[in-house]
């Protein structure tokens, strides 16, 4: 129904609703049209989820880099050939165990497993750091030090007459250390044994005569030995000058059996020794200056050389 005189015909309610739907833009068709012009992107079908439910997409870019490290520079020091055995791998450990390195190591391994000598260009440094004769040099130093220590220990003991059990134990310990480094392995075959020796220490009470008053004890005791004649002689000095001679029978290169034959009272009156006057003597240390011996009764004797040319009467 139209009204005459109106410039515009009013739409009905149904027409308004239809026109409203037609005027709304079609986002779906527009999105599909855009995707058709983009190559390589598949056509979108379906509705997109809300932004709060979308899963972030991680774009991974992989790059393949072909890098070859430069060859290592040639070593400037001596390189030893590497062997396939395990000896090369353990060599540095053995060297370090025997010759501990300080700030600069003697040997090391590079990244390629080669054994390198870092100080091979300096013989002086090598000799200063590593000695091939440590035992020999240390042995001579130990002998000298031990001899000085022994002489200092027995000096105030009056040849052992005034030694306490603690003093005797200390002297015995030092003597055993010297015996362990004895330079003369076969004393009975050495000419160093020949001559006249002065007794400077002993644990034998019969020789020290501790049961007598001090003014009746012998001031000095000597012992003469000749290896070629296998004869020995013990001599006392003031106040009695008694002597005794003996025959020696070697039991090995260090030990002899002693058989006393004659005593001399005051060095003049000979008396034949009884058959039971026997003993044994082992020479445990011998050099040009000092001799250490041990008797069969466990007594210790320390003597120093006073006359290498002395001869025992036959």
C-alpha atoms as a PDB file:
ATOM      1  CA  UNK A   1       0.000   0.000   0.000  1.00  0.00           C
ATOM      2  CA  UNK A   2       1.466   3.347  -1.017  1.00  0.00           C
ATOM      3  CA  UNK A   3       0.616   6.809   0.167  1.00  0.00           C
ATOM      4  CA  UNK A   4       0.399   9.500  -2.509  1.00  0.00           C
ATOM      5  CA  UNK A   5       2.517  12.602  -1.931  1.00  0.00           C
ATOM      6  CA  UNK A   6       5.469  10.831  -0.173  1.00  0.00           C
ATOM      7  CA  UNK A   7       8.896  10.928  -1.722  1.00  0.00           C
ATOM      8  CA  UNK A   8      10.026   7.664  -0.144  1.00  0.00           C
ATOM      9  CA  UNK A   9       8.338   4.377   0.221  1.00  0.00           C
ATOM     10  CA  UNK A  10       8.949   2.933   3.724  1.00  0.00           C
ATOM     11  CA  UNK A  11      10.026  -0.722   3.790  1.00  0.00           C
ATOM     12  CA  UNK A  12       8.221  -3.311   5.734  1.00  0.00           C
ATOM     13  CA  UNK A  13       9.887  -5.040   8.726  1.00  0.00           C
ATOM     14  CA  UNK A  14      10.731  -8.161   6.713  1.00  0.00           C
ATOM     15  CA  UNK A  15      12.426  -6.053   4.073  1.00  0.00           C
ATOM     16  CA  UNK A  16      14.522  -4.297   6.749  1.00  0.00           C
ATOM     17  CA  UNK A  17      15.864  -7.554   8.058  1.00  0.00           C
ATOM     18  CA  UNK A  18      16.713  -8.792   4.561  1.00  0.00           C
ATOM     19  CA  UNK A  19      18.493  -5.577   3.634  1.00  0.00           C
ATOM     20  CA  UNK A  20      20.523  -5.700   6.856  1.00  0.00           C
ATOM     21  CA  UNK A  21      21.855  -9.159   6.063  1.00  0.00           C
ATOM     22  CA  UNK A  22      22.800  -8.181   2.519  1.00  0.00           C
ATOM     23  CA  UNK A  23      24.679  -5.076   3.690  1.00  0.00           C
ATOM     24  CA  UNK A  24      26.978  -7.064   6.047  1.00  0.00           C
ATOM     25  CA  UNK A  25      30.429  -7.826   4.476  1.00  0.00           C
ATOM     26  CA  UNK A  26      31.226 -11.470   3.744  1.00  0.00           C
ATOM     27  CA  UNK A  27      34.552 -11.946   5.638  1.00  0.00           C
ATOM     28  CA  UNK A  28      34.665 -15.600   4.777  1.00  0.00           C
ATOM     29  CA  UNK A  29      34.621 -15.056   1.043  1.00  0.00           C
ATOM     30  CA  UNK A  30      37.151 -12.215   1.312  1.00  0.00           C
ATOM     31  CA  UNK A  31      39.577 -14.422   3.343  1.00  0.00           C
ATOM     32  CA  UNK A  32      39.274 -17.239   0.830  1.00  0.00           C
ATOM     33  CA  UNK A  33      39.898 -14.863  -2.045  1.00  0.00           C
ATOM     34  CA  UNK A  34      43.095 -13.576  -0.465  1.00  0.00           C
ATOM     35  CA  UNK A  35      44.412 -17.113   0.178  1.00  0.00           C
ATOM     36  CA  UNK A  36      43.867 -18.097  -3.447  1.00  0.00           C
ATOM     37  CA  UNK A  37      46.351 -15.437  -4.559  1.00  0.00           C
ATOM     38  CA  UNK A  38      49.095 -16.611  -2.181  1.00  0.00           C
ATOM     39  CA  UNK A  39      51.088 -19.451  -3.744  1.00  0.00           C
ATOM     40  CA  UNK A  40      52.144 -22.299  -1.583  1.00  0.00           C
ATOM     41  CA  UNK A  41      49.601 -21.620   1.184  1.00  0.00           C
ATOM     42  CA  UNK A  42      46.675 -24.083   1.354  1.00  0.00           C
ATOM     43  CA  UNK A  43      43.142 -22.836   1.158  1.00  0.00           C
ATOM     44  CA  UNK A  44      41.610 -22.134   4.533  1.00  0.00           C
ATOM     45  CA  UNK A  45      38.602 -24.236   5.411  1.00  0.00           C
ATOM     46  CA  UNK A  46      36.766 -23.895   8.638  1.00  0.00           C
ATOM     47  CA  UNK A  47      36.682 -21.235  11.248  1.00  0.00           C
ATOM     48  CA  UNK A  48      39.769 -20.118  13.211  1.00  0.00           C
ATOM     49  CA  UNK A  49      39.855 -20.750  16.979  1.00  0.00           C
ATOM     50  CA  UNK A  50      39.852 -17.900  19.434  1.00  0.00           C
ATOM     51  CA  UNK A  51      43.154 -16.114  20.012  1.00  0.00           C
ATOM     52  CA  UNK A  52      43.378 -17.416  23.564  1.00  0.00           C
ATOM     53  CA  UNK A  53      43.325 -21.033  22.277  1.00  0.00           C
ATOM     54  CA  UNK A  54      45.838 -20.727  19.450  1.00  0.00           C
ATOM     55  CA  UNK A  55      49.109 -22.666  19.809  1.00  0.00           C
ATOM     56  CA  UNK A  56      52.244 -20.664  19.016  1.00  0.00           C
ATOM     57  CA  UNK A  57      54.097 -21.936  16.002  1.00  0.00           C
ATOM     58  CA  UNK A  58      57.852 -22.351  16.247  1.00  0.00           C
ATOM     59  CA  UNK A  59      59.797 -21.773  13.093  1.00  0.00           C
ATOM     60  CA  UNK A  60      63.038 -23.756  13.000  1.00  0.00           C
ATOM     61  CA  UNK A  61      65.777 -22.667  10.664  1.00  0.00           C
ATOM     62  CA  UNK A  62      68.523 -25.234  10.163  1.00  0.00           C
ATOM     63  CA  UNK A  63      71.852 -24.238   8.784  1.00  0.00           C
ATOM     64  CA  UNK A  64      74.465 -26.728   7.748  1.00  0.00           C
ATOM     65  CA  UNK A  65      77.915 -25.304   8.320  1.00  0.00           C
ATOM     66  CA  UNK A  66      80.778 -27.245   6.881  1.00  0.00           C
ATOM     67  CA  UNK A  67      83.802 -26.064   8.896  1.00  0.00           C
ATOM     68  CA  UNK A  68      87.166 -27.785   8.775  1.00  0.00           C
ATOM     69  CA  UNK A  69      89.681 -26.698  11.433  1.00  0.00           C
ATOM     70  CA  UNK A  70      93.090 -25.691  10.125  1.00  0.00           C
ATOM     71  CA  UNK A  71      95.852 -28.308  10.461  1.00  0.00           C
ATOM     72  CA  UNK A  72      97.873 -28.027  13.676  1.00  0.00           C
ATOM     73  CA  UNK A  73     101.259 -26.307  13.377  1.00  0.00           C
ATOM     74  CA  UNK A  74     104.302 -28.597  13.370  1.00  0.00           C
ATOM     75  CA  UNK A  75     105.789 -29.103  16.876  1.00  0.00           C
ATOM     76  CA  UNK A  76     108.872 -27.074  17.652  1.00  0.00           C
ATOM     77  CA  UNK A  77     110.375 -29.729  19.923  1.00  0.00           C
ATOM     78  CA  UNK A  78     111.332 -33.334  19.510  1.00  0.00           C
ATOM     79  CA  UNK A  79     108.333 -35.598  18.882  1.00  0.00           C
ATOM     80  CA  UNK A  80     108.570 -39.247  19.757  1.00  0.00           C
ATOM     81  CA  UNK A  81     106.849 -41.836  17.601  1.00  0.00           C
ATOM     82  CA  UNK A  82     103.537 -42.971  19.046  1.00  0.00           C
ATOM     83  CA  UNK A  83     103.111 -46.707  19.420  1.00  0.00           C
ATOM     84  CA  UNK A  84      99.906 -48.669  19.540  1.00  0.00           C
ATOM     85  CA  UNK A  85     100.853 -50.361  22.804  1.00  0.00           C
ATOM     86  CA  UNK A  86      99.836 -49.022  26.189  1.00  0.00           C
ATOM     87  CA  UNK A  87     103.432 -48.128  27.064  1.00  0.00           C
ATOM     88  CA  UNK A  88     103.112 -44.712  25.401  1.00  0.00           C
ATOM     89  CA  UNK A  89     100.001 -43.809  27.363  1.00  0.00           C
ATOM     90  CA  UNK A  90     101.508 -44.715  30.716  1.00  0.00           C
ATOM     91  CA  UNK A  91     104.966 -43.252  30.058  1.00  0.00           C
ATOM     92  CA  UNK A  92     104.127 -39.731  31.315  1.00  0.00           C
ATOM     93  CA  UNK A  93     102.560 -41.166  34.473  1.00  0.00           C
ATOM     94  CA  UNK A  94     105.635 -43.282  35.179  1.00  0.00           C
ATOM     95  CA  UNK A  95     107.947 -40.321  34.599  1.00  0.00           C
ATOM     96  CA  UNK A  96     105.894 -38.109  36.887  1.00  0.00           C
ATOM     97  CA  UNK A  97     105.844 -40.799  39.594  1.00  0.00           C
ATOM     98  CA  UNK A  98     109.647 -41.118  39.558  1.00  0.00           C
ATOM     99  CA  UNK A  99     110.526 -37.515  38.740  1.00  0.00           C
ATOM    100  CA  UNK A 100     107.755 -35.208  40.051  1.00  0.00           C
ATOM    101  CA  UNK A 101     107.439 -32.152  37.839  1.00  0.00           C
ATOM    102  CA  UNK A 102     107.410 -28.657  39.294  1.00  0.00           C
ATOM    103  CA  UNK A 103     106.216 -25.577  37.441  1.00  0.00           C
ATOM    104  CA  UNK A 104     107.479 -26.794  34.059  1.00  0.00           C
ATOM    105  CA  UNK A 105     106.828 -30.443  33.188  1.00  0.00           C
ATOM    106  CA  UNK A 106     109.448 -32.519  31.457  1.00  0.00           C
ATOM    107  CA  UNK A 107     106.947 -34.398  29.306  1.00  0.00           C
ATOM    108  CA  UNK A 108     103.399 -33.735  28.130  1.00  0.00           C
ATOM    109  CA  UNK A 109     100.918 -34.911  25.531  1.00  0.00           C
ATOM    110  CA  UNK A 110      99.427 -32.719  22.854  1.00  0.00           C
ATOM    111  CA  UNK A 111      95.891 -32.968  21.473  1.00  0.00           C
ATOM    112  CA  UNK A 112      96.934 -35.654  18.995  1.00  0.00           C
ATOM    113  CA  UNK A 113      98.378 -37.990  21.628  1.00  0.00           C
ATOM    114  CA  UNK A 114     102.045 -37.478  20.770  1.00  0.00           C
ATOM    115  CA  UNK A 115     104.600 -37.512  23.584  1.00  0.00           C
ATOM    116  CA  UNK A 116     106.540 -34.265  23.632  1.00  0.00           C
ATOM    117  CA  UNK A 117     109.743 -33.314  25.426  1.00  0.00           C
ATOM    118  CA  UNK A 118     109.472 -29.722  26.570  1.00  0.00           C
ATOM    119  CA  UNK A 119     113.037 -29.239  27.800  1.00  0.00           C
ATOM    120  CA  UNK A 120     114.978 -31.290  25.294  1.00  0.00           C
ATOM    121  CA  UNK A 121     116.802 -28.216  24.011  1.00  0.00           C
ATOM    122  CA  UNK A 122     118.580 -27.484  27.308  1.00  0.00           C
ATOM    123  CA  UNK A 123     120.961 -30.188  28.592  1.00  0.00           C
ATOM    124  CA  UNK A 124     121.878 -28.029  31.591  1.00  0.00           C
ATOM    125  CA  UNK A 125     118.253 -27.812  32.728  1.00  0.00           C
ATOM    126  CA  UNK A 126     117.844 -31.554  32.184  1.00  0.00           C
ATOM    127  CA  UNK A 127     120.842 -32.354  34.349  1.00  0.00           C
ATOM    128  CA  UNK A 128     119.652 -29.913  36.998  1.00  0.00           C
ATOM    129  CA  UNK A 129     116.166 -31.418  37.214  1.00  0.00           C
ATOM    130  CA  UNK A 130     116.850 -35.135  36.749  1.00  0.00           C
ATOM    131  CA  UNK A 131     119.853 -36.936  38.148  1.00  0.00           C
ATOM    132  CA  UNK A 132     120.593 -40.448  37.012  1.00  0.00           C
ATOM    133  CA  UNK A 133     122.746 -41.125  40.072  1.00  0.00           C
ATOM    134  CA  UNK A 134     120.597 -39.995  43.042  1.00  0.00           C
ATOM    135  CA  UNK A 135     121.111 -43.203  44.981  1.00  0.00           C
ATOM    136  CA  UNK A 136     124.904 -43.102  44.595  1.00  0.00           C
ATOM    137  CA  UNK A 137     125.268 -39.454  45.599  1.00  0.00           C
ATOM    138  CA  UNK A 138     122.768 -39.800  48.423  1.00  0.00           C
ATOM    139  CA  UNK A 139     124.547 -42.892  49.730  1.00  0.00           C
ATOM    140  CA  UNK A 140     127.898 -41.109  50.087  1.00  0.00           C
ATOM    141  CA  UNK A 141     126.233 -38.174  51.805  1.00  0.00           C
ATOM    142  CA  UNK A 142     124.384 -40.495  54.186  1.00  0.00           C
ATOM    143  CA  UNK A 143     127.587 -42.345  55.136  1.00  0.00           C
ATOM    144  CA  UNK A 144     129.417 -39.139  56.044  1.00  0.00           C
ATOM    145  CA  UNK A 145     126.473 -37.801  58.004  1.00  0.00           C
ATOM    146  CA  UNK A 146     125.937 -41.070  59.865  1.00  0.00           C
ATOM    147  CA  UNK A 147     129.612 -41.344  60.784  1.00  0.00           C
ATOM    148  CA  UNK A 148     129.586 -37.838  62.232  1.00  0.00           C
ATOM    149  CA  UNK A 149     126.393 -38.595  64.110  1.00  0.00           C
ATOM    150  CA  UNK A 150     127.867 -41.802  65.528  1.00  0.00           C
ATOM    151  CA  UNK A 151     131.068 -40.114  66.702  1.00  0.00           C
ATOM    152  CA  UNK A 152     129.077 -37.339  68.354  1.00  0.00           C
ATOM    153  CA  UNK A 153     126.870 -39.868  70.145  1.00  0.00           C
ATOM    154  CA  UNK A 154     129.745 -41.895  71.631  1.00  0.00           C
ATOM    155  CA  UNK A 155     132.097 -38.998  72.460  1.00  0.00           C
ATOM    156  CA  UNK A 156     130.785 -38.332  76.018  1.00  0.00           C
ATOM    157  CA  UNK A 157     130.285 -42.003  76.929  1.00  0.00           C
ATOM    158  CA  UNK A 158     133.874 -42.914  77.942  1.00  0.00           C
ATOM    159  CA  UNK A 159     134.054 -45.700  75.320  1.00  0.00           C
ATOM    160  CA  UNK A 160     130.678 -46.970  76.601  1.00  0.00           C
ATOM    161  CA  UNK A 161     131.484 -47.241  80.317  1.00  0.00           C
ATOM    162  CA  UNK A 162     129.120 -44.387  81.160  1.00  0.00           C
ATOM    163  CA  UNK A 163     126.433 -45.237  78.607  1.00  0.00           C
ATOM    164  CA  UNK A 164     122.866 -45.630  79.821  1.00  0.00           C
ATOM    165  CA  UNK A 165     120.510 -48.144  78.189  1.00  0.00           C
ATOM    166  CA  UNK A 166     119.053 -45.251  76.194  1.00  0.00           C
ATOM    167  CA  UNK A 167     122.548 -44.264  75.032  1.00  0.00           C
ATOM    168  CA  UNK A 168     123.315 -47.829  74.011  1.00  0.00           C
ATOM    169  CA  UNK A 169     120.073 -48.048  72.052  1.00  0.00           C
ATOM    170  CA  UNK A 170     120.770 -44.807  70.212  1.00  0.00           C
ATOM    171  CA  UNK A 171     124.330 -45.817  69.303  1.00  0.00           C
ATOM    172  CA  UNK A 172     123.118 -49.207  68.126  1.00  0.00           C
ATOM    173  CA  UNK A 173     120.498 -47.619  65.868  1.00  0.00           C
ATOM    174  CA  UNK A 174     123.056 -45.341  64.224  1.00  0.00           C
ATOM    175  CA  UNK A 175     125.474 -48.257  63.825  1.00  0.00           C
ATOM    176  CA  UNK A 176     122.803 -50.323  62.088  1.00  0.00           C
ATOM    177  CA  UNK A 177     122.145 -47.502  59.641  1.00  0.00           C
ATOM    178  CA  UNK A 178     125.844 -47.417  58.810  1.00  0.00           C
ATOM    179  CA  UNK A 179     125.938 -51.194  58.435  1.00  0.00           C
ATOM    180  CA  UNK A 180     123.131 -50.917  55.882  1.00  0.00           C
ATOM    181  CA  UNK A 181     125.362 -48.743  53.645  1.00  0.00           C
ATOM    182  CA  UNK A 182     128.604 -50.659  54.216  1.00  0.00           C
ATOM    183  CA  UNK A 183     130.925 -49.835  51.290  1.00  0.00           C
ATOM    184  CA  UNK A 184     133.072 -52.972  51.818  1.00  0.00           C
ATOM    185  CA  UNK A 185     130.948 -56.035  51.148  1.00  0.00           C
ATOM    186  CA  UNK A 186     133.771 -58.551  51.745  1.00  0.00           C
ATOM    187  CA  UNK A 187     135.920 -57.143  54.563  1.00  0.00           C
ATOM    188  CA  UNK A 188     138.108 -60.246  54.959  1.00  0.00           C
ATOM    189  CA  UNK A 189     139.265 -59.809  51.359  1.00  0.00           C
ATOM    190  CA  UNK A 190     140.065 -56.122  51.792  1.00  0.00           C
ATOM    191  CA  UNK A 191     143.401 -54.631  52.787  1.00  0.00           C
ATOM    192  CA  UNK A 192     141.496 -51.890  54.633  1.00  0.00           C
ATOM    193  CA  UNK A 193     141.213 -54.327  57.533  1.00  0.00           C
ATOM    194  CA  UNK A 194     144.971 -54.460  58.057  1.00  0.00           C
ATOM    195  CA  UNK A 195     146.513 -52.272  60.765  1.00  0.00           C
ATOM    196  CA  UNK A 196     146.051 -51.036  64.292  1.00  0.00           C
ATOM    197  CA  UNK A 197     142.607 -49.924  65.404  1.00  0.00           C
ATOM    198  CA  UNK A 198     141.605 -47.951  68.521  1.00  0.00           C
ATOM    199  CA  UNK A 199     138.483 -49.020  70.386  1.00  0.00           C
ATOM    200  CA  UNK A 200     136.253 -45.963  70.859  1.00  0.00           C
ATOM    201  CA  UNK A 201     133.029 -47.688  71.926  1.00  0.00           C
ATOM    202  CA  UNK A 202     131.852 -51.095  73.090  1.00  0.00           C
ATOM    203  CA  UNK A 203     129.110 -52.725  75.130  1.00  0.00           C
ATOM    204  CA  UNK A 204     131.438 -55.472  76.461  1.00  0.00           C
ATOM    205  CA  UNK A 205     131.742 -55.123  80.240  1.00  0.00           C
ATOM    206  CA  UNK A 206     134.779 -57.421  80.358  1.00  0.00           C
ATOM    207  CA  UNK A 207     136.736 -55.097  78.083  1.00  0.00           C
ATOM    208  CA  UNK A 208     135.495 -51.905  79.769  1.00  0.00           C
ATOM    209  CA  UNK A 209     136.284 -53.436  83.198  1.00  0.00           C
ATOM    210  CA  UNK A 210     133.374 -51.586  84.776  1.00  0.00           C
ATOM    211  CA  UNK A 211     133.671 -53.752  87.904  1.00  0.00           C
ATOM    212  CA  UNK A 212     137.013 -52.081  88.698  1.00  0.00           C
ATOM    213  CA  UNK A 213     137.589 -48.596  90.058  1.00  0.00           C
ATOM    214  CA  UNK A 214     138.100 -46.106  87.267  1.00  0.00           C
ATOM    215  CA  UNK A 215     141.798 -45.549  88.037  1.00  0.00           C
ATOM    216  CA  UNK A 216     142.433 -49.298  87.558  1.00  0.00           C
ATOM    217  CA  UNK A 217     140.785 -49.448  84.125  1.00  0.00           C
ATOM    218  CA  UNK A 218     142.728 -49.385  80.917  1.00  0.00           C
ATOM    219  CA  UNK A 219     142.815 -45.882  79.491  1.00  0.00           C
ATOM    220  CA  UNK A 220     142.961 -46.991  75.848  1.00  0.00           C
ATOM    221  CA  UNK A 221     142.399 -50.308  74.053  1.00  0.00           C
ATOM    222  CA  UNK A 222     143.809 -51.255  70.659  1.00  0.00           C
ATOM    223  CA  UNK A 223     143.245 -54.148  68.272  1.00  0.00           C
ATOM    224  CA  UNK A 224     145.609 -55.232  65.512  1.00  0.00           C
ATOM    225  CA  UNK A 225     144.512 -57.408  62.550  1.00  0.00           C
ATOM    226  CA  UNK A 226     146.436 -58.818  59.598  1.00  0.00           C
ATOM    227  CA  UNK A 227     144.346 -60.493  56.899  1.00  0.00           C
ATOM    228  CA  UNK A 228     147.291 -62.168  55.138  1.00  0.00           C
ATOM    229  CA  UNK A 229     148.443 -64.022  58.270  1.00  0.00           C
ATOM    230  CA  UNK A 230     144.962 -64.304  59.873  1.00  0.00           C
ATOM    231  CA  UNK A 231     146.295 -62.998  63.169  1.00  0.00           C
ATOM    232  CA  UNK A 232     144.744 -60.618  65.694  1.00  0.00           C
ATOM    233  CA  UNK A 233     145.971 -58.899  68.845  1.00  0.00           C
ATOM    234  CA  UNK A 234     144.202 -57.000  71.673  1.00  0.00           C
ATOM    235  CA  UNK A 235     146.264 -54.496  73.665  1.00  0.00           C
ATOM    236  CA  UNK A 236     145.634 -52.481  76.815  1.00  0.00           C
ATOM    237  CA  UNK A 237     147.534 -49.375  77.934  1.00  0.00           C
ATOM    238  CA  UNK A 238     148.056 -47.906  81.366  1.00  0.00           C
ATOM    239  CA  UNK A 239     148.062 -49.223  84.042  1.00  0.00           C
ATOM    240  CA  UNK A 240     148.622 -52.924  83.198  1.00  0.00           C
ATOM    241  CA  UNK A 241     149.554 -53.113  79.459  1.00  0.00           C
ATOM    242  CA  UNK A 242     148.054 -56.600  79.108  1.00  0.00           C
ATOM    243  CA  UNK A 243     147.894 -58.235  75.680  1.00  0.00           C
ATOM    244  CA  UNK A 244     146.357 -61.302  74.037  1.00  0.00           C
ATOM    245  CA  UNK A 245     146.943 -62.790  70.568  1.00  0.00           C
ATOM    246  CA  UNK A 246     144.634 -65.041  68.534  1.00  0.00           C
ATOM    247  CA  UNK A 247     144.329 -67.068  65.347  1.00  0.00           C
ATOM    248  CA  UNK A 248     141.502 -66.249  62.952  1.00  0.00           C
ATOM    249  CA  UNK A 249     139.548 -68.771  60.887  1.00  0.00           C
ATOM    250  CA  UNK A 250     137.284 -67.277  58.209  1.00  0.00           C
ATOM    251  CA  UNK A 251     133.696 -68.526  58.321  1.00  0.00           C
ATOM    252  CA  UNK A 252     132.657 -66.354  55.371  1.00  0.00           C
ATOM    253  CA  UNK A 253     133.810 -63.077  53.814  1.00  0.00           C
ATOM    254  CA  UNK A 254     132.635 -61.107  56.876  1.00  0.00           C
ATOM    255  CA  UNK A 255     132.874 -63.429  59.851  1.00  0.00           C
ATOM    256  CA  UNK A 256     135.793 -65.185  61.582  1.00  0.00           C
ATOM    257  CA  UNK A 257     136.193 -67.667  64.407  1.00  0.00           C
ATOM    258  CA  UNK A 258     138.630 -66.403  67.050  1.00  0.00           C
ATOM    259  CA  UNK A 259     140.890 -68.752  69.054  1.00  0.00           C
ATOM    260  CA  UNK A 260     143.076 -67.034  71.654  1.00  0.00           C
ATOM    261  CA  UNK A 261     146.488 -68.628  72.108  1.00  0.00           C
ATOM    262  CA  UNK A 262     148.626 -66.478  74.499  1.00  0.00           C
ATOM    263  CA  UNK A 263     148.088 -63.805  77.133  1.00  0.00           C
ATOM    264  CA  UNK A 264     150.884 -61.415  78.099  1.00  0.00           C
ATOM    265  CA  UNK A 265     150.793 -59.938  81.577  1.00  0.00           C
ATOM    266  CA  UNK A 266     152.191 -56.393  81.535  1.00  0.00           C
ATOM    267  CA  UNK A 267     153.192 -57.136  77.959  1.00  0.00           C
ATOM    268  CA  UNK A 268     156.080 -59.311  79.151  1.00  0.00           C
ATOM    269  CA  UNK A 269     154.949 -62.539  80.828  1.00  0.00           C
ATOM    270  CA  UNK A 270     153.334 -64.993  78.367  1.00  0.00           C
ATOM    271  CA  UNK A 271     150.591 -67.326  79.564  1.00  0.00           C
ATOM    272  CA  UNK A 272     148.934 -69.892  77.349  1.00  0.00           C
ATOM    273  CA  UNK A 273     145.244 -69.258  76.918  1.00  0.00           C
ATOM    274  CA  UNK A 274     142.752 -71.962  77.981  1.00  0.00           C
ATOM    275  CA  UNK A 275     140.941 -73.935  75.307  1.00  0.00           C
ATOM    276  CA  UNK A 276     137.613 -72.325  76.108  1.00  0.00           C
ATOM    277  CA  UNK A 277     139.000 -68.893  75.141  1.00  0.00           C
ATOM    278  CA  UNK A 278     137.162 -68.789  71.839  1.00  0.00           C
ATOM    279  CA  UNK A 279     134.674 -66.574  70.129  1.00  0.00           C
ATOM    280  CA  UNK A 280     133.402 -65.198  66.845  1.00  0.00           C
ATOM    281  CA  UNK A 281     133.638 -61.759  65.308  1.00  0.00           C
ATOM    282  CA  UNK A 282     131.651 -60.328  62.402  1.00  0.00           C
ATOM    283  CA  UNK A 283     132.814 -57.183  60.615  1.00  0.00           C
ATOM    284  CA  UNK A 284     129.659 -55.313  59.660  1.00  0.00           C
ATOM    285  CA  UNK A 285     131.143 -52.013  58.453  1.00  0.00           C
ATOM    286  CA  UNK A 286     134.589 -51.123  57.086  1.00  0.00           C
ATOM    287  CA  UNK A 287     136.171 -48.128  55.386  1.00  0.00           C
ATOM    288  CA  UNK A 288     139.510 -46.294  55.598  1.00  0.00           C
ATOM    289  CA  UNK A 289     138.673 -44.643  58.926  1.00  0.00           C
ATOM    290  CA  UNK A 290     136.014 -46.619  60.758  1.00  0.00           C
ATOM    291  CA  UNK A 291     135.195 -50.238  61.548  1.00  0.00           C
ATOM    292  CA  UNK A 292     132.123 -51.727  63.240  1.00  0.00           C
ATOM    293  CA  UNK A 293     132.127 -55.305  64.504  1.00  0.00           C
ATOM    294  CA  UNK A 294     129.720 -57.521  66.440  1.00  0.00           C
ATOM    295  CA  UNK A 295     130.664 -60.425  68.687  1.00  0.00           C
ATOM    296  CA  UNK A 296     128.949 -63.753  69.205  1.00  0.00           C
ATOM    297  CA  UNK A 297     127.641 -62.579  72.603  1.00  0.00           C
ATOM    298  CA  UNK A 298     125.845 -59.615  71.017  1.00  0.00           C
ATOM    299  CA  UNK A 299     128.413 -56.983  71.935  1.00  0.00           C
ATOM    300  CA  UNK A 300     129.018 -54.003  69.665  1.00  0.00           C
ATOM    301  CA  UNK A 301     132.521 -52.709  68.864  1.00  0.00           C
ATOM    302  CA  UNK A 302     133.320 -49.398  67.147  1.00  0.00           C
ATOM    303  CA  UNK A 303     136.973 -48.742  66.236  1.00  0.00           C
ATOM    304  CA  UNK A 304     138.915 -46.084  64.332  1.00  0.00           C
ATOM    305  CA  UNK A 305     142.118 -46.593  62.338  1.00  0.00           C
ATOM    306  CA  UNK A 306     145.336 -45.284  63.911  1.00  0.00           C
ATOM    307  CA  UNK A 307     148.154 -47.173  62.109  1.00  0.00           C
ATOM    308  CA  UNK A 308     147.523 -49.003  58.790  1.00  0.00           C
ATOM    309  CA  UNK A 309     151.128 -50.339  58.735  1.00  0.00           C
ATOM    310  CA  UNK A 310     150.979 -52.199  62.055  1.00  0.00           C
ATOM    311  CA  UNK A 311     151.859 -55.937  61.973  1.00  0.00           C
ATOM    312  CA  UNK A 312     150.635 -58.495  64.513  1.00  0.00           C
ATOM    313  CA  UNK A 313     153.382 -60.822  65.884  1.00  0.00           C
ATOM    314  CA  UNK A 314     153.191 -64.338  64.481  1.00  0.00           C
END
